[in-house]
Every structure is written in structure tokens, then in C-alpha cells.
């Protein structure tokens, strides 16, 4: 109870001095804006909309445990089978951390272009691949769905 009383007195003192209050508000604003600038810089540097993710399930055990923090990098090099990726399916809020099981290279088309490369993923601790997690009718992931 005494600590609450002390906190109340400190806050009351803060509101009595407008310069000190303004200093505290500016100090808090600088901390918040600095954190946002660092986050934005990480997004640009890693080319990922979310440069840091937390593992939420046990589907990748023993490689990753629940609560592990992953730092992502989404460079332009091709993704290979066996690599661990973080992907986000349209319509789902939470990204998924799983291993690429199979890479399906796109076939060359008659106009000289080729189909995009597609990926099949699976959690190390799961018995089946992730086709049940994808959108209905979707059998492969596109590169644009991989966050890092």
C-alpha cells in the first residue's frame, strides 16, 4: 500500500511541474519512435515484413521449441528442399515455421517464360505435409507466401 502512495505522490509532483511533464512525454515519444525506426530498418534490411517471429507450436521440435525467437532474412536466392522457412497463407493471421519438403520447378512455357517455382512444406514433428494448412485447393506454396 505504501508503494502505491509513493507512486501517487510522484505522479502528482509530475503534473505540478509542466516542464518536467513535457520532458517525460518527449522522452517516452523518443523511445517509441526509436523502436519503430529500428523495426522499420530491420524490415528494409531483411526484406521481410516481419523480421522477428516467435515459434508458437511444437510442430518443428526438436529443431525449434515453443517460444524460440527466429530472426528472418528474405533474400532473393532460391529456396531449396531441407531449408526451414516461415510462410504466411492468405486468410491466416499467424505465420507458420516449417521445413521445405519438396521444390517443384516451374516448366518452361512456349513464350519463353517459365512457371513460378512452388514449394511443399512439412513440420519436422508432423506426420503429413502441410497441404491441409494451405488454402482449399492449394497444393503448393508460392515464393511470395514465404516471409523468410
N, C-alpha and C. Protein backbone atom coordinates (compact mmCIF):
# COMPACT_ATOMS: atom_id res chain seq x y z
N UNK A 1 0.82 -1.19 0.00
CA UNK A 1 0.00 0.00 0.00
C UNK A 1 0.87 1.26 0.00
N UNK A 2 2.00 1.16 0.70
CA UNK A 2 2.91 2.31 0.78
C UNK A 2 3.50 2.64 -0.59
N UNK A 3 3.80 1.61 -1.37
CA UNK A 3 4.36 1.85 -2.71
C UNK A 3 3.36 2.57 -3.60
N UNK A 4 2.10 2.20 -3.50
CA UNK A 4 1.08 2.89 -4.29
C UNK A 4 0.99 4.36 -3.90
N UNK A 5 1.08 4.63 -2.62
CA UNK A 5 1.04 6.00 -2.14
C UNK A 5 2.23 6.80 -2.68
N UNK A 6 3.41 6.18 -2.67
CA UNK A 6 4.60 6.84 -3.20
C UNK A 6 4.46 7.11 -4.71
N UNK A 7 3.94 6.14 -5.44
CA UNK A 7 3.73 6.31 -6.87
C UNK A 7 2.75 7.46 -7.15
N UNK A 8 1.68 7.51 -6.35
CA UNK A 8 0.71 8.58 -6.50
C UNK A 8 1.35 9.94 -6.25
N UNK A 9 2.19 10.02 -5.25
CA UNK A 9 2.86 11.29 -4.93
C UNK A 9 3.79 11.72 -6.07
N UNK A 10 4.49 10.77 -6.65
CA UNK A 10 5.40 11.07 -7.77
C UNK A 10 4.63 11.58 -8.98
N UNK A 11 3.51 10.94 -9.29
CA UNK A 11 2.69 11.37 -10.42
C UNK A 11 2.10 12.75 -10.16
N UNK A 12 1.66 12.97 -8.94
CA UNK A 12 1.10 14.28 -8.57
C UNK A 12 2.17 15.37 -8.72
N UNK A 13 3.40 15.06 -8.30
CA UNK A 13 4.51 16.00 -8.42
C UNK A 13 4.82 16.29 -9.90
N UNK A 14 4.70 15.26 -10.72
CA UNK A 14 4.97 15.40 -12.15
C UNK A 14 3.98 16.37 -12.80
N UNK A 15 2.71 16.26 -12.44
CA UNK A 15 1.70 17.14 -13.03
C UNK A 15 1.77 18.57 -12.50
N UNK A 16 2.42 18.76 -11.37
CA UNK A 16 2.58 20.11 -10.83
C UNK A 16 3.66 20.89 -11.56
N UNK A 17 4.61 20.20 -12.18
CA UNK A 17 5.69 20.87 -12.90
C UNK A 17 5.53 20.61 -14.40
N UNK A 18 5.00 21.58 -15.18
CA UNK A 18 4.72 21.34 -16.59
C UNK A 18 5.98 21.06 -17.42
N UNK A 19 7.12 21.61 -17.05
CA UNK A 19 8.36 21.36 -17.80
C UNK A 19 8.82 19.91 -17.62
N UNK A 20 8.71 19.43 -16.40
CA UNK A 20 9.10 18.03 -16.14
C UNK A 20 8.15 17.08 -16.86
N UNK A 21 6.85 17.40 -16.87
CA UNK A 21 5.86 16.58 -17.56
C UNK A 21 6.15 16.55 -19.06
N UNK A 22 6.44 17.72 -19.64
CA UNK A 22 6.76 17.79 -21.06
C UNK A 22 8.02 16.99 -21.37
N UNK A 23 9.02 17.08 -20.51
CA UNK A 23 10.26 16.33 -20.70
C UNK A 23 9.99 14.82 -20.68
N UNK A 24 9.16 14.36 -19.75
CA UNK A 24 8.85 12.93 -19.65
C UNK A 24 8.07 12.45 -20.88
N UNK A 25 7.14 13.27 -21.36
CA UNK A 25 6.37 12.89 -22.54
C UNK A 25 7.27 12.83 -23.77
N UNK A 26 8.15 13.80 -23.94
CA UNK A 26 9.09 13.78 -25.07
C UNK A 26 10.05 12.60 -24.98
N UNK A 27 10.49 12.30 -23.78
CA UNK A 27 11.38 11.16 -23.57
C UNK A 27 10.69 9.86 -23.98
N UNK A 28 9.44 9.68 -23.57
CA UNK A 28 8.69 8.49 -23.94
C UNK A 28 8.48 8.43 -25.46
N UNK A 29 8.14 9.57 -26.07
CA UNK A 29 7.93 9.61 -27.52
C UNK A 29 9.21 9.24 -28.26
N UNK A 30 10.36 9.71 -27.79
CA UNK A 30 11.63 9.36 -28.44
C UNK A 30 11.90 7.87 -28.35
N UNK A 31 11.59 7.25 -27.23
CA UNK A 31 11.80 5.81 -27.08
C UNK A 31 10.90 5.04 -28.04
N UNK A 32 9.63 5.42 -28.11
CA UNK A 32 8.68 4.73 -29.00
C UNK A 32 9.10 4.90 -30.46
N UNK A 33 9.41 6.12 -30.88
CA UNK A 33 9.80 6.36 -32.27
C UNK A 33 11.12 5.70 -32.62
N UNK A 34 12.04 5.62 -31.68
CA UNK A 34 13.30 4.91 -31.93
C UNK A 34 13.06 3.43 -32.18
N UNK A 35 12.18 2.84 -31.38
CA UNK A 35 11.86 1.42 -31.56
C UNK A 35 11.20 1.19 -32.92
N UNK A 36 10.30 2.09 -33.32
CA UNK A 36 9.65 1.95 -34.62
C UNK A 36 10.64 2.11 -35.77
N UNK A 37 11.58 3.03 -35.63
CA UNK A 37 12.59 3.22 -36.68
C UNK A 37 13.50 2.00 -36.79
N UNK A 38 13.87 1.42 -35.67
CA UNK A 38 14.71 0.22 -35.69
C UNK A 38 13.96 -0.93 -36.36
N UNK A 39 12.67 -1.09 -36.02
CA UNK A 39 11.85 -2.15 -36.62
C UNK A 39 11.76 -1.95 -38.13
N UNK A 40 11.51 -0.71 -38.56
CA UNK A 40 11.39 -0.41 -39.99
C UNK A 40 12.72 -0.66 -40.71
N UNK A 41 13.82 -0.28 -40.08
CA UNK A 41 15.14 -0.52 -40.68
C UNK A 41 15.39 -2.02 -40.83
N UNK A 42 15.00 -2.81 -39.83
CA UNK A 42 15.14 -4.26 -39.93
C UNK A 42 14.30 -4.83 -41.06
N UNK A 43 13.10 -4.28 -41.26
CA UNK A 43 12.24 -4.74 -42.36
C UNK A 43 12.92 -4.49 -43.70
N UNK A 44 13.53 -3.32 -43.86
CA UNK A 44 14.20 -2.99 -45.12
C UNK A 44 15.44 -3.87 -45.31
N UNK A 45 16.23 -4.03 -44.26
CA UNK A 45 17.48 -4.78 -44.34
C UNK A 45 17.22 -6.27 -44.63
N UNK A 46 16.22 -6.85 -43.97
CA UNK A 46 15.97 -8.29 -44.13
C UNK A 46 15.01 -8.61 -45.27
N UNK A 47 14.38 -7.58 -45.85
CA UNK A 47 13.39 -7.75 -46.92
C UNK A 47 12.23 -8.64 -46.47
N UNK A 48 11.84 -8.51 -45.22
CA UNK A 48 10.77 -9.31 -44.65
C UNK A 48 9.79 -8.40 -43.92
N UNK A 49 8.49 -8.68 -44.10
CA UNK A 49 7.50 -7.84 -43.42
C UNK A 49 7.52 -8.03 -41.91
N UNK A 50 8.08 -9.13 -41.45
CA UNK A 50 8.22 -9.38 -40.03
C UNK A 50 9.60 -9.98 -39.79
N UNK A 51 10.59 -9.16 -39.46
CA UNK A 51 11.96 -9.69 -39.32
C UNK A 51 12.18 -10.58 -38.11
N UNK A 52 11.25 -10.57 -37.17
CA UNK A 52 11.38 -11.39 -35.97
C UNK A 52 10.05 -12.11 -35.74
N UNK A 53 10.09 -13.44 -35.56
CA UNK A 53 8.89 -14.21 -35.23
C UNK A 53 9.18 -15.12 -34.05
N UNK A 54 8.12 -15.53 -33.38
CA UNK A 54 8.22 -16.43 -32.24
C UNK A 54 7.54 -17.75 -32.62
N UNK A 55 8.18 -18.86 -32.31
CA UNK A 55 7.62 -20.19 -32.59
C UNK A 55 6.47 -20.42 -31.62
N UNK A 56 5.28 -20.73 -32.15
CA UNK A 56 4.10 -20.87 -31.31
C UNK A 56 3.67 -22.32 -31.07
N UNK A 57 4.14 -23.26 -31.89
CA UNK A 57 3.70 -24.64 -31.73
C UNK A 57 4.91 -25.57 -31.65
N UNK A 58 4.63 -26.82 -31.38
CA UNK A 58 5.69 -27.82 -31.29
C UNK A 58 5.89 -28.59 -32.57
N UNK A 59 5.40 -28.09 -33.69
CA UNK A 59 5.46 -28.84 -34.95
C UNK A 59 6.87 -28.97 -35.50
N UNK A 60 7.80 -28.15 -35.03
CA UNK A 60 9.19 -28.23 -35.53
C UNK A 60 10.15 -28.79 -34.48
N UNK A 61 9.63 -29.38 -33.41
CA UNK A 61 10.51 -29.98 -32.42
C UNK A 61 11.21 -31.18 -33.03
N UNK A 62 12.43 -31.46 -32.75
CA UNK A 62 13.30 -30.84 -31.75
C UNK A 62 14.10 -29.64 -32.28
N UNK A 63 13.96 -29.28 -33.56
CA UNK A 63 14.74 -28.17 -34.12
C UNK A 63 14.42 -26.86 -33.40
N UNK A 64 13.13 -26.57 -33.22
CA UNK A 64 12.69 -25.36 -32.53
C UNK A 64 11.65 -25.71 -31.48
N UNK A 65 11.75 -25.09 -30.33
CA UNK A 65 10.79 -25.28 -29.25
C UNK A 65 9.81 -24.11 -29.23
N UNK A 66 8.68 -24.29 -28.57
CA UNK A 66 7.75 -23.19 -28.38
C UNK A 66 8.46 -22.05 -27.66
N UNK A 67 8.24 -20.83 -28.15
CA UNK A 67 8.84 -19.67 -27.51
C UNK A 67 10.17 -19.25 -28.10
N UNK A 68 10.76 -20.08 -28.97
CA UNK A 68 12.02 -19.69 -29.61
C UNK A 68 11.78 -18.47 -30.49
N UNK A 69 12.77 -17.58 -30.53
CA UNK A 69 12.68 -16.38 -31.35
C UNK A 69 13.54 -16.59 -32.59
N UNK A 70 12.94 -16.33 -33.76
CA UNK A 70 13.65 -16.50 -35.03
C UNK A 70 13.83 -15.15 -35.70
N UNK A 71 15.02 -14.89 -36.21
CA UNK A 71 15.31 -13.69 -36.98
C UNK A 71 15.30 -14.09 -38.45
N UNK A 72 14.46 -13.45 -39.23
CA UNK A 72 14.27 -13.83 -40.63
C UNK A 72 15.12 -13.01 -41.57
N UNK A 73 15.44 -13.63 -42.70
CA UNK A 73 16.10 -12.95 -43.80
C UNK A 73 15.44 -13.46 -45.07
N UNK A 74 14.94 -12.55 -45.89
CA UNK A 74 14.20 -12.94 -47.08
C UNK A 74 14.96 -12.49 -48.33
N UNK A 75 16.17 -12.98 -48.50
CA UNK A 75 16.96 -12.58 -49.67
C UNK A 75 16.42 -13.27 -50.93
N UNK A 76 17.00 -12.93 -52.06
CA UNK A 76 16.46 -13.37 -53.35
C UNK A 76 16.97 -14.73 -53.81
N UNK A 77 17.84 -15.37 -53.05
CA UNK A 77 18.37 -16.65 -53.50
C UNK A 77 17.27 -17.71 -53.48
N UNK A 78 17.39 -18.73 -54.32
CA UNK A 78 16.36 -19.77 -54.38
C UNK A 78 16.26 -20.56 -53.08
N UNK A 79 15.06 -20.95 -52.74
CA UNK A 79 14.81 -21.78 -51.56
C UNK A 79 14.98 -23.23 -51.97
N UNK A 80 15.72 -24.00 -51.17
CA UNK A 80 15.99 -25.40 -51.50
C UNK A 80 15.29 -26.33 -50.53
N UNK A 81 15.08 -27.58 -50.95
CA UNK A 81 14.48 -28.59 -50.09
C UNK A 81 15.38 -28.79 -48.87
N UNK A 82 14.77 -28.91 -47.72
CA UNK A 82 15.52 -29.08 -46.47
C UNK A 82 15.67 -27.79 -45.67
N UNK A 83 15.47 -26.65 -46.32
CA UNK A 83 15.58 -25.37 -45.60
C UNK A 83 14.33 -25.12 -44.77
N UNK A 84 14.51 -24.41 -43.68
CA UNK A 84 13.38 -24.03 -42.84
C UNK A 84 12.93 -22.65 -43.27
N UNK A 85 11.61 -22.51 -43.51
CA UNK A 85 11.05 -21.24 -43.96
C UNK A 85 9.90 -20.84 -43.04
N UNK A 86 9.60 -19.55 -43.07
CA UNK A 86 8.42 -19.02 -42.39
C UNK A 86 7.50 -18.54 -43.50
N UNK A 87 6.27 -19.05 -43.52
CA UNK A 87 5.34 -18.66 -44.57
C UNK A 87 4.02 -18.21 -43.98
N UNK A 88 3.32 -17.43 -44.76
CA UNK A 88 2.02 -16.92 -44.32
C UNK A 88 1.01 -17.16 -45.42
N UNK A 89 -0.04 -17.88 -45.09
CA UNK A 89 -1.10 -18.21 -46.03
C UNK A 89 -2.14 -17.10 -46.03
N UNK A 90 -2.63 -16.74 -47.20
CA UNK A 90 -3.67 -15.73 -47.32
C UNK A 90 -4.88 -16.14 -46.49
N UNK A 91 -5.38 -15.22 -45.68
CA UNK A 91 -6.54 -15.50 -44.84
C UNK A 91 -6.17 -15.98 -43.44
N UNK A 92 -4.90 -16.24 -43.21
CA UNK A 92 -4.44 -16.64 -41.87
C UNK A 92 -3.55 -15.56 -41.30
N UNK A 93 -3.77 -15.24 -40.04
CA UNK A 93 -3.01 -14.17 -39.39
C UNK A 93 -1.60 -14.60 -38.99
N UNK A 94 -1.46 -15.83 -38.54
CA UNK A 94 -0.22 -16.28 -37.90
C UNK A 94 0.69 -16.98 -38.90
N UNK A 95 1.95 -16.54 -39.01
CA UNK A 95 2.89 -17.23 -39.89
C UNK A 95 3.25 -18.62 -39.33
N UNK A 96 3.67 -19.50 -40.22
CA UNK A 96 4.00 -20.89 -39.86
C UNK A 96 5.47 -21.14 -40.15
N UNK A 97 6.15 -21.82 -39.23
CA UNK A 97 7.57 -22.17 -39.38
C UNK A 97 7.65 -23.66 -39.67
N UNK A 98 8.02 -24.02 -40.91
CA UNK A 98 8.16 -25.43 -41.29
C UNK A 98 9.30 -25.60 -42.28
N UNK A 99 9.67 -26.85 -42.54
CA UNK A 99 10.76 -27.18 -43.44
C UNK A 99 10.24 -27.45 -44.86
N UNK A 100 10.99 -27.02 -45.86
CA UNK A 100 10.62 -27.29 -47.26
C UNK A 100 10.89 -28.77 -47.53
N UNK A 101 9.85 -29.46 -47.91
CA UNK A 101 9.93 -30.90 -48.16
C UNK A 101 10.26 -31.18 -49.62
N UNK A 102 9.67 -30.37 -50.52
CA UNK A 102 9.83 -30.62 -51.95
C UNK A 102 9.77 -29.29 -52.69
N UNK A 103 10.62 -29.15 -53.70
CA UNK A 103 10.62 -27.97 -54.56
C UNK A 103 10.18 -28.41 -55.95
N UNK A 104 9.14 -27.75 -56.48
CA UNK A 104 8.60 -28.07 -57.80
C UNK A 104 9.00 -26.95 -58.75
N UNK A 105 10.01 -27.22 -59.58
CA UNK A 105 10.49 -26.22 -60.54
C UNK A 105 9.43 -26.00 -61.61
N UNK A 106 9.21 -24.74 -61.97
CA UNK A 106 8.23 -24.41 -62.99
C UNK A 106 8.69 -24.85 -64.38
N UNK A 107 7.76 -25.31 -65.19
CA UNK A 107 8.08 -25.74 -66.56
C UNK A 107 8.21 -24.53 -67.47
N UNK A 108 9.04 -24.68 -68.50
CA UNK A 108 9.19 -23.61 -69.49
C UNK A 108 7.93 -23.57 -70.35
N UNK A 109 7.45 -22.35 -70.59
CA UNK A 109 6.28 -22.16 -71.43
C UNK A 109 6.71 -21.87 -72.87
N UNK A 110 5.77 -21.94 -73.79
CA UNK A 110 6.10 -21.74 -75.20
C UNK A 110 6.54 -20.30 -75.51
N UNK A 111 6.14 -19.34 -74.67
CA UNK A 111 6.52 -17.95 -74.94
C UNK A 111 7.90 -17.58 -74.36
N UNK A 112 8.64 -18.56 -73.89
CA UNK A 112 9.99 -18.31 -73.37
C UNK A 112 10.03 -18.10 -71.87
N UNK A 113 8.91 -17.79 -71.25
CA UNK A 113 8.85 -17.63 -69.80
C UNK A 113 8.68 -18.99 -69.15
N UNK A 114 8.80 -19.03 -67.84
CA UNK A 114 8.58 -20.29 -67.14
C UNK A 114 7.61 -20.07 -65.98
N UNK A 115 6.95 -21.16 -65.60
CA UNK A 115 6.04 -21.10 -64.46
C UNK A 115 6.85 -20.84 -63.19
N UNK A 116 6.23 -20.24 -62.18
CA UNK A 116 6.97 -20.00 -60.94
C UNK A 116 7.27 -21.30 -60.20
N UNK A 117 8.36 -21.28 -59.45
CA UNK A 117 8.72 -22.42 -58.61
C UNK A 117 7.75 -22.50 -57.44
N UNK A 118 7.39 -23.73 -57.08
CA UNK A 118 6.43 -23.94 -55.98
C UNK A 118 7.08 -24.83 -54.92
N UNK A 119 6.55 -24.75 -53.70
CA UNK A 119 7.16 -25.44 -52.57
C UNK A 119 6.12 -26.20 -51.76
N UNK A 120 6.53 -27.35 -51.25
CA UNK A 120 5.71 -28.13 -50.32
C UNK A 120 6.45 -28.18 -48.99
N UNK A 121 5.74 -27.91 -47.90
CA UNK A 121 6.38 -27.84 -46.58
C UNK A 121 5.78 -28.88 -45.64
N UNK A 122 6.50 -29.09 -44.53
CA UNK A 122 6.05 -30.03 -43.50
C UNK A 122 6.78 -29.72 -42.20
N UNK A 123 6.09 -29.81 -41.10
CA UNK A 123 6.72 -29.66 -39.80
C UNK A 123 7.49 -30.92 -39.46
N UNK A 124 8.68 -30.77 -38.87
CA UNK A 124 9.51 -31.94 -38.53
C UNK A 124 8.78 -32.91 -37.61
N UNK A 125 7.91 -32.39 -36.74
CA UNK A 125 7.23 -33.21 -35.75
C UNK A 125 5.84 -33.65 -36.24
N UNK A 126 5.50 -33.35 -37.49
CA UNK A 126 4.20 -33.74 -38.06
C UNK A 126 4.35 -34.99 -38.91
N UNK A 127 3.27 -35.75 -39.01
CA UNK A 127 3.30 -36.99 -39.79
C UNK A 127 3.01 -36.76 -41.28
N UNK A 128 2.30 -35.70 -41.61
CA UNK A 128 1.93 -35.44 -43.00
C UNK A 128 2.37 -34.04 -43.42
N UNK A 129 2.36 -33.81 -44.74
CA UNK A 129 2.77 -32.49 -45.25
C UNK A 129 1.71 -31.44 -44.93
N UNK A 130 1.98 -30.21 -45.35
CA UNK A 130 1.15 -29.07 -44.95
C UNK A 130 -0.01 -28.76 -45.89
N UNK A 131 -0.32 -29.63 -46.83
CA UNK A 131 -1.40 -29.32 -47.78
C UNK A 131 -2.72 -29.06 -47.06
N UNK A 132 -2.92 -29.65 -45.90
CA UNK A 132 -4.13 -29.39 -45.11
C UNK A 132 -4.15 -28.00 -44.50
N UNK A 133 -2.97 -27.36 -44.38
CA UNK A 133 -2.89 -26.00 -43.83
C UNK A 133 -3.08 -24.93 -44.90
N UNK A 134 -2.79 -25.28 -46.15
CA UNK A 134 -2.90 -24.31 -47.23
C UNK A 134 -4.38 -23.99 -47.50
N UNK A 135 -4.62 -22.99 -48.33
CA UNK A 135 -5.99 -22.65 -48.71
C UNK A 135 -6.65 -23.85 -49.40
N UNK A 136 -7.97 -23.95 -49.34
CA UNK A 136 -8.64 -25.06 -50.04
C UNK A 136 -8.28 -25.08 -51.52
N UNK A 137 -7.87 -26.23 -52.00
CA UNK A 137 -7.48 -26.39 -53.39
C UNK A 137 -6.02 -26.06 -53.68
N UNK A 138 -5.33 -25.47 -52.72
CA UNK A 138 -3.91 -25.13 -52.92
C UNK A 138 -3.05 -26.32 -52.56
N UNK A 139 -2.13 -26.69 -53.46
CA UNK A 139 -1.27 -27.84 -53.21
C UNK A 139 0.17 -27.45 -52.98
N UNK A 140 0.55 -26.24 -53.38
CA UNK A 140 1.93 -25.79 -53.26
C UNK A 140 1.96 -24.35 -52.75
N UNK A 141 3.07 -23.99 -52.13
CA UNK A 141 3.30 -22.59 -51.73
C UNK A 141 3.97 -21.84 -52.87
N UNK A 142 3.63 -20.57 -53.00
CA UNK A 142 4.34 -19.71 -53.95
C UNK A 142 5.45 -19.01 -53.19
N UNK A 143 6.46 -18.54 -53.91
CA UNK A 143 7.58 -17.82 -53.28
C UNK A 143 7.09 -16.57 -52.56
N UNK A 144 6.04 -15.94 -53.09
CA UNK A 144 5.51 -14.72 -52.48
C UNK A 144 4.89 -14.97 -51.10
N UNK A 145 4.55 -16.21 -50.80
CA UNK A 145 3.97 -16.54 -49.48
C UNK A 145 5.05 -16.82 -48.44
N UNK A 146 6.29 -16.96 -48.87
CA UNK A 146 7.39 -17.22 -47.94
C UNK A 146 7.92 -15.90 -47.43
N UNK A 147 7.93 -15.73 -46.10
CA UNK A 147 8.35 -14.48 -45.47
C UNK A 147 9.85 -14.45 -45.19
N UNK A 148 10.46 -15.61 -45.09
CA UNK A 148 11.89 -15.64 -44.80
C UNK A 148 12.36 -17.01 -44.43
